[in-house]
Amino acid sequence: MPITSGAIRKVRADQKKAAVNLKIKRSLREAVSVMRKKPSEKQLRSVYLMADRAAKKKVIHSNKAARIKSRLSRLVVKKKKSY
């Protein structure tokens, strides 16, 4: 248990930040899963937005965001070629 007032404030702030980060991660994960099930350009834009936002807020690494976007964009390209 933290003893100093600064440590107590830090615990409170860390809990709030963890909740926000979890919400950002969940929304990204949900957007990725929807994109994998039904790939479309609209869904791809949504994933790009979520991945960039998560990387900007340092919830995920920027390289991970780039990797997610790259892999999911290939799904849209495959879908276009199949027609």
C-alpha atoms as a PDB file:
ATOM      1  CA  MET A   1       0.000   0.000   0.000  1.00  0.00           C
ATOM      2  CA  PRO A   2       1.387   3.441  -0.860  1.00  0.00           C
ATOM      3  CA  ILE A   3       2.132   5.665   2.094  1.00  0.00           C
ATOM      4  CA  THR A   4       3.024   9.120   0.759  1.00  0.00           C
ATOM      5  CA  SER A   5       0.339  11.354  -0.693  1.00  0.00           C
ATOM      6  CA  GLY A   6       2.180  11.492  -4.028  1.00  0.00           C
ATOM      7  CA  ALA A   7       2.242   7.704  -4.253  1.00  0.00           C
ATOM      8  CA  ILE A   8      -1.473   7.536  -3.453  1.00  0.00           C
ATOM      9  CA  ARG A   9      -2.227  10.037  -6.232  1.00  0.00           C
ATOM     10  CA  LYS A  10      -0.034   8.040  -8.624  1.00  0.00           C
ATOM     11  CA  VAL A  11      -1.972   4.836  -7.914  1.00  0.00           C
ATOM     12  CA  ARG A  12      -5.236   6.639  -8.638  1.00  0.00           C
ATOM     13  CA  ALA A  13      -3.881   8.131 -11.863  1.00  0.00           C
ATOM     14  CA  ASP A  14      -2.466   4.773 -12.963  1.00  0.00           C
ATOM     15  CA  GLN A  15      -5.839   3.100 -12.470  1.00  0.00           C
ATOM     16  CA  LYS A  16      -7.573   5.734 -14.598  1.00  0.00           C
ATOM     17  CA  LYS A  17      -4.941   5.494 -17.327  1.00  0.00           C
ATOM     18  CA  ALA A  18      -5.154   1.691 -17.319  1.00  0.00           C
ATOM     19  CA  ALA A  19      -8.922   1.885 -17.814  1.00  0.00           C
ATOM     20  CA  VAL A  20      -8.546   4.278 -20.755  1.00  0.00           C
ATOM     21  CA  ASN A  21      -5.792   2.177 -22.322  1.00  0.00           C
ATOM     22  CA  LEU A  22      -7.884  -0.973 -21.974  1.00  0.00           C
ATOM     23  CA  LYS A  23     -10.815   0.722 -23.717  1.00  0.00           C
ATOM     24  CA  ILE A  24      -8.570   1.776 -26.616  1.00  0.00           C
ATOM     25  CA  LYS A  25      -7.088  -1.732 -26.899  1.00  0.00           C
ATOM     26  CA  ARG A  26     -10.520  -3.380 -26.829  1.00  0.00           C
ATOM     27  CA  SER A  27     -11.896  -1.116 -29.535  1.00  0.00           C
ATOM     28  CA  LEU A  28      -8.871  -1.868 -31.729  1.00  0.00           C
ATOM     29  CA  ARG A  29      -9.197  -5.610 -31.143  1.00  0.00           C
ATOM     30  CA  GLU A  30     -12.917  -5.480 -31.951  1.00  0.00           C
ATOM     31  CA  ALA A  31     -12.322  -3.483 -35.156  1.00  0.00           C
ATOM     32  CA  VAL A  32      -9.655  -5.983 -36.252  1.00  0.00           C
ATOM     33  CA  SER A  33     -11.929  -8.966 -35.637  1.00  0.00           C
ATOM     34  CA  VAL A  34     -14.788  -7.374 -37.598  1.00  0.00           C
ATOM     35  CA  MET A  35     -12.361  -6.615 -40.416  1.00  0.00           C
ATOM     36  CA  ARG A  36     -11.130 -10.217 -40.509  1.00  0.00           C
ATOM     37  CA  LYS A  37     -14.691 -11.568 -40.712  1.00  0.00           C
ATOM     38  CA  LYS A  38     -15.943  -9.176 -43.411  1.00  0.00           C
ATOM     39  CA  PRO A  39     -13.088  -7.310 -45.103  1.00  0.00           C
ATOM     40  CA  SER A  40     -14.133  -4.063 -46.763  1.00  0.00           C
ATOM     41  CA  GLU A  41     -12.582  -0.682 -47.404  1.00  0.00           C
ATOM     42  CA  LYS A  42     -14.878   0.976 -44.883  1.00  0.00           C
ATOM     43  CA  GLN A  43     -13.788  -1.466 -42.171  1.00  0.00           C
ATOM     44  CA  LEU A  44     -10.167  -0.974 -43.202  1.00  0.00           C
ATOM     45  CA  ARG A  45     -10.478   2.784 -42.665  1.00  0.00           C
ATOM     46  CA  SER A  46     -11.928   2.125 -39.235  1.00  0.00           C
ATOM     47  CA  VAL A  47      -9.028  -0.166 -38.312  1.00  0.00           C
ATOM     48  CA  TYR A  48      -6.497   2.385 -39.601  1.00  0.00           C
ATOM     49  CA  LEU A  49      -8.087   5.039 -37.396  1.00  0.00           C
ATOM     50  CA  MET A  50      -8.083   2.827 -34.302  1.00  0.00           C
ATOM     51  CA  ALA A  51      -4.523   1.562 -34.856  1.00  0.00           C
ATOM     52  CA  ASP A  52      -3.143   5.051 -35.425  1.00  0.00           C
ATOM     53  CA  ARG A  53      -4.933   6.373 -32.361  1.00  0.00           C
ATOM     54  CA  ALA A  54      -3.620   3.534 -30.184  1.00  0.00           C
ATOM     55  CA  ALA A  55      -0.074   4.081 -31.465  1.00  0.00           C
ATOM     56  CA  LYS A  56      -0.279   7.834 -30.938  1.00  0.00           C
ATOM     57  CA  LYS A  57      -1.393   7.367 -27.342  1.00  0.00           C
ATOM     58  CA  LYS A  58       1.413   4.814 -26.835  1.00  0.00           C
ATOM     59  CA  VAL A  59      -1.029   2.008 -26.020  1.00  0.00           C
ATOM     60  CA  ILE A  60       0.599  -0.154 -28.701  1.00  0.00           C
ATOM     61  CA  HIS A  61       3.927   0.237 -30.448  1.00  0.00           C
ATOM     62  CA  SER A  62       3.903   2.110 -33.751  1.00  0.00           C
ATOM     63  CA  ASN A  63       5.444  -0.895 -35.528  1.00  0.00           C
ATOM     64  CA  LYS A  64       2.619  -3.095 -34.267  1.00  0.00           C
ATOM     65  CA  ALA A  65       0.085  -0.627 -35.657  1.00  0.00           C
ATOM     66  CA  ALA A  66       1.878  -0.696 -39.009  1.00  0.00           C
ATOM     67  CA  ARG A  67       1.947  -4.498 -38.971  1.00  0.00           C
ATOM     68  CA  ILE A  68      -1.792  -4.706 -38.238  1.00  0.00           C
ATOM     69  CA  LYS A  69      -2.614  -2.243 -41.007  1.00  0.00           C
ATOM     70  CA  SER A  70      -0.389  -4.047 -43.498  1.00  0.00           C
ATOM     71  CA  ARG A  71      -1.846  -7.478 -42.817  1.00  0.00           C
ATOM     72  CA  LEU A  72      -5.438  -6.294 -42.956  1.00  0.00           C
ATOM     73  CA  SER A  73      -4.949  -4.256 -46.123  1.00  0.00           C
ATOM     74  CA  ARG A  74      -3.817  -7.461 -47.858  1.00  0.00           C
ATOM     75  CA  LEU A  75      -7.254  -8.950 -47.127  1.00  0.00           C
ATOM     76  CA  VAL A  76      -8.947  -6.154 -49.076  1.00  0.00           C
ATOM     77  CA  VAL A  77      -6.520  -6.559 -51.984  1.00  0.00           C
ATOM     78  CA  LYS A  78      -7.176 -10.331 -52.094  1.00  0.00           C
ATOM     79  CA  LYS A  79     -10.918  -9.709 -52.066  1.00  0.00           C
ATOM     80  CA  LYS A  80     -10.653  -7.277 -55.003  1.00  0.00           C
ATOM     81  CA  LYS A  81      -8.543  -9.737 -57.025  1.00  0.00           C
ATOM     82  CA  SER A  82     -11.000 -12.577 -56.467  1.00  0.00           C
ATOM     83  CA  TYR A  83     -13.763 -10.761 -58.386  1.00  0.00           C
END
